[in-house]
Amino acid sequence: MKPDAGTAQVNGFDILEEDLKVRESIGIAFEGSGIYSRMTIRENLRFFARLHHMDGKELSESVESLIHALNLQNEANHASARLTESQKGRLSIACAAVHNPGLLMIDMPTSEFDMVTTRLIDSFLTTYADEGRTVIKATRSLVEARLLCRKMAIVRNGFLVACGTLEEIEQAAGETGLREALTELDLGGS
């Protein structure tokens, strides 16, 4: 969609002038999407890598690295239809990250996974960000936001109501504690 006005950059690319480069520099993992049930984990990852023009050693190294990083080694040659929800979630993230995008967006409720899986995903995302890339994770969990996020954007009914570090948001609301700060911000209803 074209904006009504203005422009923006994503990973240094203008969204109006370089929209294809913008899309190529982003990886997105939505809940329950992005995997093909008849393909194995390895086949899914190879497929998505090829969509991003990867081949040879680069493709193989990325696929194997993600299989290991997201603890999918034992199931790597199983059809995705046989995977648990936890395994499917990890595979979806791996498919989004296979081309090593500068921006990785995750929109899935990892809070519904078991604690071991949640910790594994959080560790992967933290490492991904520590390597100089950006991770945007949609969450409704204040605990998760407090533990993982360096910066937060609070969106309510499609409008940005607060943005910054936890300390900046708390300071703007004149409160200590994220939950207390959120009650002080104008969130425009339920």
Protein backbone atom coordinates (compact mmCIF):
# COMPACT_ATOMS: atom_id res chain seq x y z
CA MET A 1 0.00 0.00 0.00
CA LYS A 2 1.20 3.48 -0.81
CA PRO A 3 1.14 6.03 2.02
CA ASP A 4 -1.29 8.95 1.82
CA ALA A 5 1.62 11.27 2.51
CA GLY A 6 5.27 11.22 3.44
CA THR A 7 7.78 8.44 3.12
CA ALA A 8 9.98 6.22 5.27
CA GLN A 9 13.06 4.07 5.07
CA VAL A 10 13.48 0.45 6.07
CA ASN A 11 17.02 -0.88 6.32
CA GLY A 12 18.16 2.22 4.45
CA PHE A 13 15.78 1.67 1.51
CA ASP A 14 13.09 4.19 0.58
CA ILE A 15 9.65 2.53 0.76
CA LEU A 16 8.43 4.37 -2.34
CA GLU A 17 11.51 4.25 -4.55
CA GLU A 18 13.00 0.90 -3.48
CA ASP A 19 9.99 -1.13 -2.38
CA LEU A 20 11.39 -4.44 -3.70
CA LYS A 21 14.64 -3.95 -1.76
CA VAL A 22 12.58 -3.14 1.34
CA ARG A 23 10.66 -6.42 1.01
CA GLU A 24 13.85 -8.39 0.36
CA SER A 25 15.43 -7.01 3.55
CA ILE A 26 12.58 -8.12 5.81
CA GLY A 27 11.69 -11.49 7.29
CA ILE A 28 8.21 -12.00 8.75
CA ALA A 29 6.92 -14.87 10.87
CA PHE A 30 3.19 -14.97 11.52
CA GLU A 31 1.45 -17.51 13.69
CA GLY A 32 0.83 -20.68 11.72
CA SER A 33 2.02 -19.35 8.40
CA GLY A 34 4.91 -19.73 6.07
CA ILE A 35 5.47 -23.46 6.14
CA TYR A 36 4.41 -26.20 3.78
CA SER A 37 3.11 -29.31 5.52
CA ARG A 38 4.26 -31.81 2.88
CA MET A 39 7.83 -30.53 2.96
CA THR A 40 10.34 -31.43 5.66
CA ILE A 41 11.89 -28.78 7.87
CA ARG A 42 15.02 -28.81 5.74
CA GLU A 43 13.00 -28.61 2.49
CA ASN A 44 10.96 -25.66 3.80
CA LEU A 45 14.12 -23.78 4.72
CA ARG A 46 15.81 -24.54 1.39
CA PHE A 47 12.66 -23.41 -0.46
CA PHE A 48 12.52 -20.07 1.35
CA ALA A 49 16.27 -19.56 0.92
CA ARG A 50 15.91 -20.09 -2.83
CA LEU A 51 13.07 -17.54 -2.93
CA HIS A 52 15.66 -15.06 -1.68
CA HIS A 53 18.13 -16.06 -4.43
CA MET A 54 20.39 -18.04 -2.11
CA ASP A 55 22.23 -21.10 -3.32
CA GLY A 56 25.30 -23.25 -2.76
CA LYS A 57 27.32 -22.93 0.42
CA GLU A 58 25.48 -19.81 1.63
CA LEU A 59 22.13 -21.62 1.45
CA SER A 60 23.41 -24.80 3.11
CA GLU A 61 25.15 -22.94 5.92
CA SER A 62 22.11 -20.80 6.67
CA VAL A 63 19.74 -23.78 6.70
CA GLU A 64 21.94 -25.92 8.95
CA SER A 65 22.71 -23.01 11.28
CA LEU A 66 19.00 -22.28 11.80
CA ILE A 67 18.13 -25.96 12.29
CA HIS A 68 20.71 -26.08 15.06
CA ALA A 69 19.95 -22.64 16.58
CA LEU A 70 16.24 -23.45 16.90
CA ASN A 71 16.83 -27.05 18.03
CA LEU A 72 15.16 -28.74 15.06
CA GLN A 73 17.92 -31.28 14.34
CA ASN A 74 15.94 -34.39 15.36
CA GLU A 75 12.97 -33.45 13.15
CA ALA A 76 14.86 -31.86 10.23
CA ASN A 77 13.85 -34.61 7.80
CA HIS A 78 10.27 -35.05 9.04
CA ALA A 79 7.29 -33.75 7.09
CA SER A 80 6.11 -30.50 8.65
CA ALA A 81 2.60 -31.93 9.04
CA ARG A 82 4.01 -34.16 11.81
CA LEU A 83 5.46 -31.29 13.83
CA THR A 84 4.15 -30.03 17.16
CA GLU A 85 2.92 -26.42 17.40
CA SER A 86 6.18 -25.52 19.12
CA GLN A 87 8.23 -27.01 16.29
CA LYS A 88 6.06 -25.29 13.68
CA GLY A 89 6.58 -21.96 15.45
CA ARG A 90 10.35 -22.43 15.48
CA LEU A 91 10.31 -23.45 11.81
CA SER A 92 8.25 -20.39 10.88
CA ILE A 93 10.84 -18.14 12.56
CA ALA A 94 13.66 -20.01 10.81
CA CYS A 95 11.96 -19.58 7.41
CA ALA A 96 11.65 -15.84 8.06
CA ALA A 97 15.32 -15.59 9.09
CA VAL A 98 16.86 -17.90 6.48
CA HIS A 99 18.02 -15.05 4.23
CA ASN A 100 19.52 -13.15 7.18
CA PRO A 101 17.29 -10.07 6.84
CA GLY A 102 18.19 -6.79 8.48
CA LEU A 103 14.68 -6.65 9.97
CA LEU A 104 12.97 -9.71 11.43
CA MET A 105 9.32 -9.31 12.52
CA ILE A 106 7.67 -11.92 14.73
CA ASP A 107 3.91 -11.90 15.28
CA MET A 108 3.06 -15.07 17.11
CA PRO A 109 2.07 -15.77 20.70
CA THR A 110 5.23 -17.45 22.00
CA SER A 111 3.66 -17.22 25.45
CA GLU A 112 1.53 -20.22 24.42
CA PHE A 113 4.63 -22.39 23.98
CA ASP A 114 6.24 -24.34 26.80
CA MET A 115 8.90 -22.57 28.85
CA VAL A 116 11.82 -24.34 27.16
CA THR A 117 10.63 -23.35 23.67
CA THR A 118 9.88 -19.78 24.73
CA ARG A 119 13.36 -19.46 26.23
CA LEU A 120 14.95 -20.94 23.08
CA ILE A 121 13.08 -18.51 20.80
CA ASP A 122 13.85 -15.55 23.05
CA SER A 123 17.54 -16.50 23.09
CA PHE A 124 17.58 -16.80 19.28
CA LEU A 125 15.91 -13.39 18.85
CA THR A 126 18.24 -11.74 21.37
CA THR A 127 21.31 -13.16 19.60
CA TYR A 128 19.88 -12.08 16.24
CA ALA A 129 19.51 -8.51 17.51
CA ASP A 130 22.92 -8.54 19.21
CA GLU A 131 24.46 -9.27 15.80
CA GLY A 132 23.36 -5.82 14.60
CA ARG A 133 19.96 -6.60 13.12
CA THR A 134 16.54 -5.36 14.19
CA VAL A 135 13.88 -7.61 15.69
CA ILE A 136 10.31 -6.43 16.08
CA LYS A 137 8.21 -8.74 18.19
CA ALA A 138 4.50 -8.15 18.71
CA THR A 139 3.46 -9.16 22.21
CA ARG A 140 0.71 -8.54 24.69
CA SER A 141 2.84 -9.79 27.56
CA LEU A 142 4.27 -7.04 29.76
CA VAL A 143 6.69 -9.54 31.29
CA GLU A 144 7.98 -10.52 27.86
CA ALA A 145 8.30 -6.87 26.80
CA ARG A 146 10.17 -5.96 29.98
CA LEU A 147 12.60 -8.88 29.64
CA LEU A 148 13.34 -8.72 25.91
CA CYS A 149 12.82 -5.26 24.54
CA ARG A 150 15.41 -2.52 24.39
CA LYS A 151 12.76 -0.19 23.00
CA MET A 152 9.00 -0.48 22.92
CA ALA A 153 6.23 0.94 20.81
CA ILE A 154 2.78 0.87 22.36
CA VAL A 155 0.10 0.75 19.65
CA ARG A 156 -3.58 1.08 20.45
CA ASN A 157 -6.35 0.98 17.83
CA GLY A 158 -3.75 1.50 15.11
CA PHE A 159 -2.19 4.59 16.70
CA LEU A 160 1.21 4.93 18.31
CA VAL A 161 0.66 6.11 21.90
CA ALA A 162 4.17 5.68 23.31
CA CYS A 163 7.61 4.82 22.04
CA GLY A 164 11.02 4.53 23.66
CA THR A 165 12.89 2.61 26.28
CA LEU A 166 11.02 1.29 29.29
CA GLU A 167 12.51 4.11 31.35
CA GLU A 168 11.41 6.76 28.82
CA ILE A 169 7.84 5.44 28.75
CA GLU A 170 7.69 5.32 32.53
CA GLN A 171 9.13 8.84 32.79
CA ALA A 172 6.62 10.20 30.25
CA ALA A 173 3.80 8.74 32.33
CA GLY A 174 5.37 9.85 35.61
CA GLU A 175 5.25 6.31 36.97
CA THR A 176 7.62 3.53 37.93
CA GLY A 177 6.78 0.19 36.43
CA LEU A 178 5.48 -0.59 32.96
CA ARG A 179 2.01 -1.65 34.09
CA GLU A 180 1.58 1.56 36.06
CA ALA A 181 2.92 3.67 33.20
CA LEU A 182 0.49 2.11 30.75
CA THR A 183 -2.48 3.01 32.92
CA GLU A 184 -1.34 6.66 32.90
CA LEU A 185 -0.91 6.88 29.11
CA ASP A 186 -3.87 7.88 26.96
CA LEU A 187 -4.60 4.52 25.33
CA GLY A 188 -7.95 5.51 23.88
CA GLY A 189 -10.25 2.87 25.29
CA SER A 190 -10.03 -0.87 25.76
